[in-house]
Protein backbone atom coordinates (compact mmCIF):
# COMPACT_ATOMS: atom_id res chain seq x y z
CA MET A 1 -0.05 -0.01 0.00
CA ARG A 2 2.82 2.40 0.85
CA ALA A 3 4.53 1.62 -2.14
CA ALA A 4 1.38 2.33 -4.28
CA ILE A 5 0.97 5.91 -2.58
CA VAL A 6 4.53 6.69 -3.18
CA ALA A 7 4.30 5.67 -6.75
CA VAL A 8 1.04 8.05 -7.29
CA ALA A 9 2.78 10.73 -5.60
CA ALA A 10 5.78 10.53 -7.71
CA GLY A 11 3.64 10.37 -10.95
CA VAL A 12 1.57 13.58 -9.77
CA LEU A 13 5.09 15.24 -9.10
CA VAL A 14 6.35 14.43 -12.81
CA ALA A 15 3.11 15.44 -14.19
CA GLY A 16 3.18 19.01 -12.56
CA VAL A 17 6.73 19.51 -13.59
CA ALA A 18 5.95 18.49 -17.10
CA THR A 19 2.83 20.94 -16.81
CA GLY A 20 4.82 23.72 -15.47
CA LEU A 21 7.26 23.21 -18.31
CA ALA A 22 4.37 23.48 -20.92
CA ALA A 23 3.03 26.34 -19.39
CA ASP A 24 6.37 28.51 -19.34
CA ARG A 25 7.81 27.69 -22.56
CA MET A 26 7.55 30.01 -25.45
CA LYS A 27 5.39 29.28 -28.62
CA PRO A 28 7.48 28.36 -31.56
CA GLU A 29 6.11 31.63 -33.34
CA ASP A 30 7.32 33.67 -30.33
CA ILE A 31 10.89 32.27 -30.49
CA LYS A 32 10.90 33.01 -34.14
CA ALA A 33 9.59 36.48 -33.77
CA THR A 34 12.25 37.18 -30.70
CA PHE A 35 15.31 35.42 -32.19
CA PHE A 36 15.08 34.42 -35.65
CA GLY A 37 15.47 37.68 -37.43
CA GLY A 38 18.91 37.93 -38.10
CA ALA A 39 19.94 39.83 -34.96
CA PRO A 40 23.06 38.54 -33.23
CA PHE A 41 22.48 37.42 -29.58
CA THR A 42 24.79 35.51 -26.86
CA ALA A 43 24.27 31.69 -26.18
CA ALA A 44 26.31 30.15 -22.87
CA THR A 45 26.52 26.66 -22.72
CA PRO A 46 26.29 24.91 -19.00
CA ALA A 47 30.09 24.84 -19.04
CA ASN A 48 30.06 28.68 -19.64
CA ILE A 49 31.27 28.61 -23.35
CA LYS A 50 29.96 31.64 -24.97
CA TYR A 51 28.75 32.09 -28.86
CA THR A 52 27.49 34.78 -30.61
CA MET A 53 24.22 33.19 -32.35
CA VAL A 54 22.64 34.52 -35.48
CA PHE A 55 19.37 32.66 -36.71
CA THR A 56 18.24 34.44 -39.99
CA ALA A 57 14.68 34.36 -41.39
CA ASP A 58 15.63 32.11 -44.37
CA GLY A 59 16.33 29.28 -42.03
CA ASN A 60 19.94 29.47 -41.69
CA VAL A 61 21.92 29.78 -38.34
CA THR A 62 25.65 30.33 -37.45
CA ARG A 63 27.62 30.52 -34.21
CA ALA A 64 30.81 32.07 -33.56
CA PRO A 65 32.90 31.58 -30.35
CA VAL A 66 33.07 34.59 -27.97
CA GLY A 67 36.28 33.52 -26.37
CA LYS A 68 38.89 30.91 -27.16
CA SER A 69 36.86 27.97 -26.37
CA GLY A 70 34.09 26.65 -28.61
CA ALA A 71 33.98 26.06 -32.49
CA LYS A 72 32.41 28.03 -35.23
CA GLY A 73 29.36 26.41 -36.99
CA GLU A 74 26.72 26.92 -39.39
CA GLY A 75 23.55 24.96 -39.97
CA ILE A 76 19.78 25.53 -40.70
CA TRP A 77 16.69 25.88 -38.32
CA LYS A 78 13.09 25.29 -38.63
CA LEU A 79 10.14 25.36 -36.07
CA SER A 80 8.81 22.51 -34.39
CA LYS A 81 5.39 21.85 -32.88
CA ASP A 82 6.72 22.61 -29.41
CA GLY A 83 9.85 24.97 -30.01
CA TYR A 84 12.53 24.80 -32.89
CA CYS A 85 15.06 22.26 -34.24
CA THR A 86 18.52 22.79 -35.48
CA THR A 87 20.81 20.76 -38.11
CA TRP A 88 24.52 21.65 -37.99
CA LYS A 89 26.62 20.77 -40.60
CA GLY A 90 27.67 16.98 -40.23
CA SER A 91 25.10 16.42 -37.24
CA LYS A 92 21.75 15.23 -36.88
CA ALA A 93 18.66 17.28 -36.35
CA THR A 94 18.23 18.25 -32.47
CA CYS A 95 14.89 19.98 -31.16
CA PHE A 96 14.53 22.20 -28.32
CA ILE A 97 12.13 24.50 -26.15
CA VAL A 98 13.03 27.88 -25.16
CA MET A 99 11.54 29.18 -21.67
CA PRO A 100 12.10 32.52 -20.17
CA SER A 101 14.42 32.50 -17.15
CA GLY A 102 15.05 36.03 -16.10
CA ASP A 103 15.20 39.64 -17.35
CA ASN A 104 16.41 39.10 -21.20
CA LYS A 105 17.47 35.37 -20.33
CA TRP A 106 16.03 32.33 -21.72
CA SER A 107 16.81 28.69 -21.18
CA VAL A 108 17.19 26.41 -24.19
CA MET A 109 15.87 22.96 -23.21
CA GLN A 110 16.42 19.48 -24.48
CA GLY A 111 13.75 17.73 -22.72
CA THR A 112 14.27 18.78 -19.06
CA THR A 113 18.01 19.30 -19.60
CA VAL A 114 19.31 23.03 -20.15
CA ARG A 115 21.53 23.02 -23.19
CA ALA A 116 22.03 26.77 -23.10
CA ILE A 117 21.27 30.18 -21.82
CA TRP A 118 20.35 32.96 -24.38
CA SER A 119 20.49 36.53 -23.68
CA LYS A 120 19.86 39.53 -25.60
């Protein structure tokens, strides 16, 4: 009986977190309007490697390292049902959601994992 109660409580907690993520995430069209118009912005990885990112309206994306760490890259982007996807040259497509995380800061999430913090 105790195990069943714990299992139900854990399920409610996971469902609550997932619902919270869905409620806070940016809609794909808002991501496009905010970030994908060709203006550069900064992306920082969890390891604090910083890039200047440029997503252009024609579906192209570039990144350039701000410091000595990181590598330049180019690829394509497209909106998805829940956010957006990028395909960097030589890699498979990866999809993300974007969530506001403070003044002029957004968390780029792959599932429940933060992959980058975007700032303007």
